[in-house]
Amino acid sequence: MKNLKYLPGLFLVLCLLIISGCVSEDEYNNLKVQNNTQRKRIAELESEMKATQLKLDKAQRQLDAIHSRGGIEAEALKQQIAALEEDLAAKKDLIDAMQHRLLYGGMQLPVELSTMLEDFAKDKELVTFDSERGIVKFKSDLLFEPGSDVVSSSGGNNLSAREAIEELCKILNTNEASEFDIIIAGHTDDMPIGKPSTRQKHPTNWHLSAHRAISVLNIMTNNNIDPQRVSIRGFGEYRPVAPNKPNKKGNPQNRRVEIYIVPKGM
């Protein structure tokens, strides 16, 4: 029997419409309706998965009980188990796709906001901006010291990492950005945490990625970003953007903090 992990119901929405220019009130309201509909569908899928898993567990127990006898009854149970496993896998794949479209499908931002973010990222060594998906990406190697969640006092181009985040906050506090929320996603590579002192604070790369996202969040809220607009996610080593070196040697490209700018309430 397959072991399936249920994905969290956070941020589960249908792929956002690609919008050119400013978002009208009707378009914005339509996005929110789509989001609410999708959340309900995901909740239904997760409920169906739990019910199917219970049926699968029951069928597996029945098969174990009659395994020694074999015959037609055992074959029927095997077919039932296979069908239930296939159903679970299909639902899981659908939920995975919905989550992926939220965080990686993205949307174009209004022209004024996108232009400000492009200017912000220009000539900065530690940050890039993906205008197609509305993502500001920081390099963790320049944002944090190795194994630390303390934002670095350096960052390249005569601008510290903290100063870069503070500069970003000024943009996110403008009228052009006021109708958008902020998702901060921390990522690591697959290098294990070595120092015992570091493991005490960050037991796994999951912890480290989440703690780093929280550090960025704290700077933002200290710079007048409304806490209601901000949330964090920690992906650890499990969302690489490039292959890690063999034997868990990592890859700097995978050590990053991504800031998603999404319509309010998504």
Protein backbone atom coordinates (compact mmCIF):
# COMPACT_ATOMS: atom_id res chain seq x y z
CA MET A 1 0.00 0.00 0.00
CA LYS A 2 1.33 3.40 -0.87
CA ASN A 3 2.08 5.92 1.88
CA LEU A 4 0.51 9.24 0.90
CA LYS A 5 1.20 12.52 2.65
CA TYR A 6 -1.60 15.02 2.74
CA LEU A 7 -0.55 18.44 1.60
CA PRO A 8 -1.62 21.47 3.67
CA GLY A 9 -4.63 23.44 2.57
CA LEU A 10 -2.78 26.76 2.61
CA PHE A 11 -2.63 28.83 -0.55
CA LEU A 12 -4.56 26.37 -2.70
CA VAL A 13 -5.97 28.35 -5.61
CA LEU A 14 -6.55 27.97 -9.31
CA CYS A 15 -3.84 29.40 -11.58
CA LEU A 16 -4.30 33.16 -11.55
CA LEU A 17 -5.22 34.94 -14.79
CA ILE A 18 -2.32 36.69 -16.47
CA ILE A 19 -3.12 40.37 -16.33
CA SER A 20 -1.57 43.13 -18.39
CA GLY A 21 -1.55 46.55 -16.84
CA CYS A 22 -3.65 47.55 -13.86
CA VAL A 23 -6.10 45.13 -12.28
CA SER A 24 -9.66 46.42 -12.51
CA GLU A 25 -12.09 45.98 -9.64
CA ASP A 26 -14.12 43.45 -11.63
CA GLU A 27 -11.01 41.43 -12.50
CA TYR A 28 -9.84 41.53 -8.90
CA ASN A 29 -13.22 40.39 -7.58
CA ASN A 30 -13.26 37.62 -10.18
CA LEU A 31 -9.88 36.39 -8.94
CA LYS A 32 -11.18 36.26 -5.38
CA VAL A 33 -14.26 34.30 -6.47
CA GLN A 34 -12.04 31.83 -8.31
CA ASN A 35 -9.85 31.52 -5.24
CA ASN A 36 -12.77 30.82 -2.89
CA THR A 37 -14.20 28.26 -5.29
CA GLN A 38 -10.86 26.54 -5.58
CA ARG A 39 -10.37 26.43 -1.81
CA LYS A 40 -13.70 24.67 -1.44
CA ARG A 41 -12.78 22.17 -4.15
CA ILE A 42 -9.46 21.42 -2.46
CA ALA A 43 -11.21 20.88 0.87
CA GLU A 44 -13.57 18.46 -0.85
CA LEU A 45 -10.65 16.60 -2.45
CA GLU A 46 -8.83 16.30 0.87
CA SER A 47 -12.00 14.98 2.53
CA GLU A 48 -12.45 12.45 -0.30
CA MET A 49 -8.82 11.38 0.08
CA LYS A 50 -9.31 10.69 3.79
CA ALA A 51 -12.43 8.63 3.09
CA THR A 52 -10.64 6.69 0.35
CA GLN A 53 -7.67 6.08 2.63
CA LEU A 54 -9.99 4.57 5.26
CA LYS A 55 -11.50 2.26 2.62
CA LEU A 56 -8.01 1.33 1.48
CA ASP A 57 -6.87 0.51 5.02
CA LYS A 58 -9.97 -1.62 5.57
CA ALA A 59 -9.46 -3.51 2.31
CA GLN A 60 -5.80 -4.10 3.14
CA ARG A 61 -6.71 -5.54 6.54
CA GLN A 62 -9.27 -7.82 4.93
CA LEU A 63 -6.71 -8.98 2.39
CA ASP A 64 -4.17 -9.68 5.11
CA ALA A 65 -6.79 -11.73 6.98
CA ILE A 66 -7.61 -13.97 4.01
CA HIS A 67 -4.20 -13.94 2.34
CA SER A 68 -3.45 -17.51 3.25
CA ARG A 69 -6.70 -18.76 1.67
CA GLY A 70 -6.29 -16.99 -1.69
CA GLY A 71 -8.99 -17.57 -4.29
CA ILE A 72 -11.49 -15.25 -5.92
CA GLU A 73 -12.14 -13.17 -2.79
CA ALA A 74 -8.46 -12.29 -2.44
CA GLU A 75 -8.18 -11.34 -6.11
CA ALA A 76 -11.23 -9.08 -5.82
CA LEU A 77 -9.70 -7.32 -2.83
CA LYS A 78 -6.41 -6.83 -4.67
CA GLN A 79 -8.28 -5.21 -7.56
CA GLN A 80 -10.18 -2.99 -5.12
CA ILE A 81 -6.94 -1.94 -3.41
CA ALA A 82 -5.32 -1.13 -6.75
CA ALA A 83 -8.30 1.01 -7.75
CA LEU A 84 -8.29 2.86 -4.42
CA GLU A 85 -4.56 3.50 -4.66
CA GLU A 86 -4.99 4.84 -8.18
CA ASP A 87 -7.79 7.13 -7.01
CA LEU A 88 -5.66 8.45 -4.13
CA ALA A 89 -2.71 9.08 -6.43
CA ALA A 90 -4.87 10.98 -8.92
CA LYS A 91 -6.33 13.22 -6.21
CA LYS A 92 -2.88 13.87 -4.76
CA ASP A 93 -1.52 14.81 -8.19
CA LEU A 94 -4.42 17.23 -8.68
CA ILE A 95 -3.76 18.93 -5.33
CA ASP A 96 -0.03 19.09 -6.14
CA ALA A 97 -0.79 20.78 -9.44
CA MET A 98 -3.06 23.35 -7.78
CA GLN A 99 -0.40 24.23 -5.22
CA HIS A 100 2.27 24.46 -7.88
CA ARG A 101 0.18 26.79 -10.03
CA LEU A 102 -0.30 29.12 -7.07
CA LEU A 103 3.36 29.49 -6.20
CA TYR A 104 4.86 29.01 -9.64
CA GLY A 105 2.09 30.01 -11.99
CA GLY A 106 2.08 33.52 -10.65
CA MET A 107 0.68 36.62 -12.28
CA GLN A 108 1.89 39.81 -13.86
CA LEU A 109 1.63 42.80 -11.58
CA PRO A 110 0.28 46.23 -12.50
CA VAL A 111 2.73 48.10 -14.71
CA GLU A 112 3.52 50.80 -12.13
CA LEU A 113 4.32 48.26 -9.39
CA SER A 114 6.26 45.99 -11.72
CA THR A 115 8.37 48.93 -12.91
CA MET A 116 9.23 49.92 -9.34
CA LEU A 117 10.29 46.35 -8.54
CA GLU A 118 12.37 46.09 -11.71
CA ASP A 119 14.17 49.31 -10.77
CA PHE A 120 14.67 47.99 -7.25
CA ALA A 121 16.32 44.77 -8.45
CA LYS A 122 18.43 46.47 -11.13
CA ASP A 123 22.18 46.26 -10.46
CA LYS A 124 21.67 44.47 -7.14
CA GLU A 125 23.85 41.39 -6.72
CA LEU A 126 21.70 39.73 -4.08
CA VAL A 127 18.23 40.12 -5.61
CA THR A 128 16.34 39.46 -8.84
CA PHE A 129 12.77 40.20 -9.91
CA ASP A 130 10.64 37.92 -12.11
CA SER A 131 8.10 40.29 -13.67
CA GLU A 132 6.21 37.44 -15.35
CA ARG A 133 5.33 35.83 -12.02
CA GLY A 134 5.60 38.68 -9.52
CA ILE A 135 8.47 37.13 -7.54
CA VAL A 136 11.32 38.95 -5.79
CA LYS A 137 14.14 36.47 -5.18
CA PHE A 138 16.99 36.92 -2.68
CA LYS A 139 20.14 34.80 -2.66
CA SER A 140 20.43 33.23 0.80
CA ASP A 141 24.23 33.17 0.58
CA LEU A 142 24.18 36.97 0.58
CA LEU A 143 21.14 37.35 2.83
CA PHE A 144 22.33 35.06 5.64
CA GLU A 145 25.53 33.68 7.06
CA PRO A 146 25.86 29.89 6.55
CA GLY A 147 23.54 27.98 8.88
CA SER A 148 22.10 31.20 10.31
CA ASP A 149 18.71 32.88 10.21
CA VAL A 150 20.16 36.30 11.10
CA VAL A 151 19.94 38.68 8.15
CA SER A 152 23.43 39.67 7.08
CA SER A 153 24.82 43.18 7.46
CA SER A 154 26.36 42.85 3.99
CA GLY A 155 24.86 42.11 0.60
CA GLY A 156 27.00 43.40 -2.20
CA ASN A 157 26.88 46.60 -4.27
CA ASN A 158 27.40 48.70 -1.13
CA LEU A 159 23.93 47.75 0.09
CA SER A 160 23.35 45.45 3.04
CA ALA A 161 20.79 42.68 2.90
CA ARG A 162 18.74 44.38 5.60
CA GLU A 163 18.83 47.67 3.70
CA ALA A 164 17.65 45.90 0.55
CA ILE A 165 14.65 44.42 2.39
CA GLU A 166 13.86 47.83 3.89
CA GLU A 167 14.01 49.39 0.42
CA LEU A 168 11.61 46.70 -0.83
CA CYS A 169 9.23 47.51 2.03
CA LYS A 170 8.98 51.11 0.85
CA ILE A 171 7.70 49.83 -2.49
CA LEU A 172 5.30 47.35 -0.86
CA ASN A 173 3.87 50.19 1.25
CA THR A 174 2.96 52.30 -1.79
CA ASN A 175 -0.59 52.72 -3.05
CA GLU A 176 0.30 50.61 -6.10
CA ALA A 177 1.05 47.62 -3.85
CA SER A 178 -1.64 48.15 -1.22
CA GLU A 179 -4.04 45.59 -2.70
CA PHE A 180 -1.44 42.80 -2.69
CA ASP A 181 -0.38 40.35 0.00
CA ILE A 182 3.11 38.96 0.51
CA ILE A 183 4.20 35.32 0.79
CA ILE A 184 7.79 34.77 1.96
CA ALA A 185 9.14 31.34 1.00
CA GLY A 186 12.45 30.06 2.37
CA HIS A 187 14.51 27.39 0.54
CA THR A 188 17.77 25.56 1.22
CA ASP A 189 19.92 23.13 -0.74
CA ASP A 190 20.38 19.51 0.38
CA MET A 191 23.51 20.01 2.47
CA PRO A 192 22.77 18.65 5.97
CA ILE A 193 23.16 20.92 8.98
CA GLY A 194 26.48 19.91 10.50
CA LYS A 195 27.27 21.90 13.63
CA PRO A 196 25.52 20.62 16.79
CA SER A 197 25.05 24.21 17.97
CA THR A 198 23.28 25.05 14.71
CA ARG A 199 21.10 21.92 14.89
CA GLN A 200 19.88 22.97 18.31
CA LYS A 201 18.25 26.02 16.76
CA HIS A 202 17.53 24.61 13.28
CA PRO A 203 17.12 20.81 13.59
CA THR A 204 16.52 20.36 9.85
CA ASN A 205 16.71 22.33 6.62
CA TRP A 206 12.95 22.72 6.87
CA HIS A 207 13.38 24.57 10.16
CA LEU A 208 16.19 26.70 8.74
CA SER A 209 14.17 27.70 5.66
CA ALA A 210 11.13 28.64 7.77
CA HIS A 211 13.23 30.53 10.33
CA ARG A 212 14.90 32.52 7.56
CA ALA A 213 11.50 33.43 6.10
CA ILE A 214 10.40 34.56 9.56
CA SER A 215 13.50 36.77 9.87
CA VAL A 216 12.57 38.52 6.63
CA LEU A 217 8.98 38.82 7.84
CA ASN A 218 10.16 40.48 11.07
CA ILE A 219 12.13 43.10 9.16
CA MET A 220 9.10 43.78 6.98
CA THR A 221 6.67 44.19 9.86
CA ASN A 222 9.21 46.46 11.59
CA ASN A 223 9.11 48.57 8.43
CA ASN A 224 5.37 49.22 8.52
CA ILE A 225 4.22 46.25 6.44
CA ASP A 226 0.80 45.27 7.83
CA PRO A 227 1.20 41.82 9.49
CA GLN A 228 -2.15 40.81 8.00
CA ARG A 229 -0.59 41.02 4.53
CA VAL A 230 2.32 38.68 5.23
CA SER A 231 2.70 34.90 5.57
CA ILE A 232 5.68 32.54 5.41
CA ARG A 233 6.47 29.10 4.04
CA GLY A 234 9.50 26.89 4.58
CA PHE A 235 10.29 24.37 1.83
CA GLY A 236 13.69 23.19 3.07
CA GLU A 237 15.57 21.35 0.34
CA TYR A 238 12.46 20.03 -1.42
CA ARG A 239 11.85 22.70 -4.09
CA PRO A 240 15.24 22.97 -5.86
CA VAL A 241 15.53 25.13 -8.95
CA ALA A 242 18.74 23.37 -10.07
CA PRO A 243 20.30 19.95 -9.41
CA ASN A 244 22.28 19.62 -6.20
CA LYS A 245 25.78 18.16 -6.37
CA PRO A 246 26.06 14.41 -5.65
CA ASN A 247 26.34 13.17 -2.06
CA LYS A 248 24.41 16.12 -0.61
CA LYS A 249 26.98 18.72 -1.61
CA GLY A 250 24.30 21.30 -2.35
CA ASN A 251 23.98 24.09 -4.89
CA PRO A 252 23.99 27.84 -4.13
CA GLN A 253 21.14 28.40 -6.60
CA ASN A 254 18.81 26.45 -4.32
CA ARG A 255 19.63 28.55 -1.25
CA ARG A 256 17.18 31.41 -1.64
CA VAL A 257 14.29 33.39 -0.20
CA GLU A 258 11.43 34.13 -2.58
CA ILE A 259 8.83 36.84 -2.01
CA TYR A 260 5.54 36.30 -3.86
CA ILE A 261 3.28 39.30 -4.39
CA VAL A 262 -0.29 38.06 -4.73
CA PRO A 263 -3.79 39.63 -4.69
CA LYS A 264 -5.04 40.35 -1.19
CA GLY A 265 -6.91 37.47 0.45
CA MET A 266 -5.40 34.76 -1.76
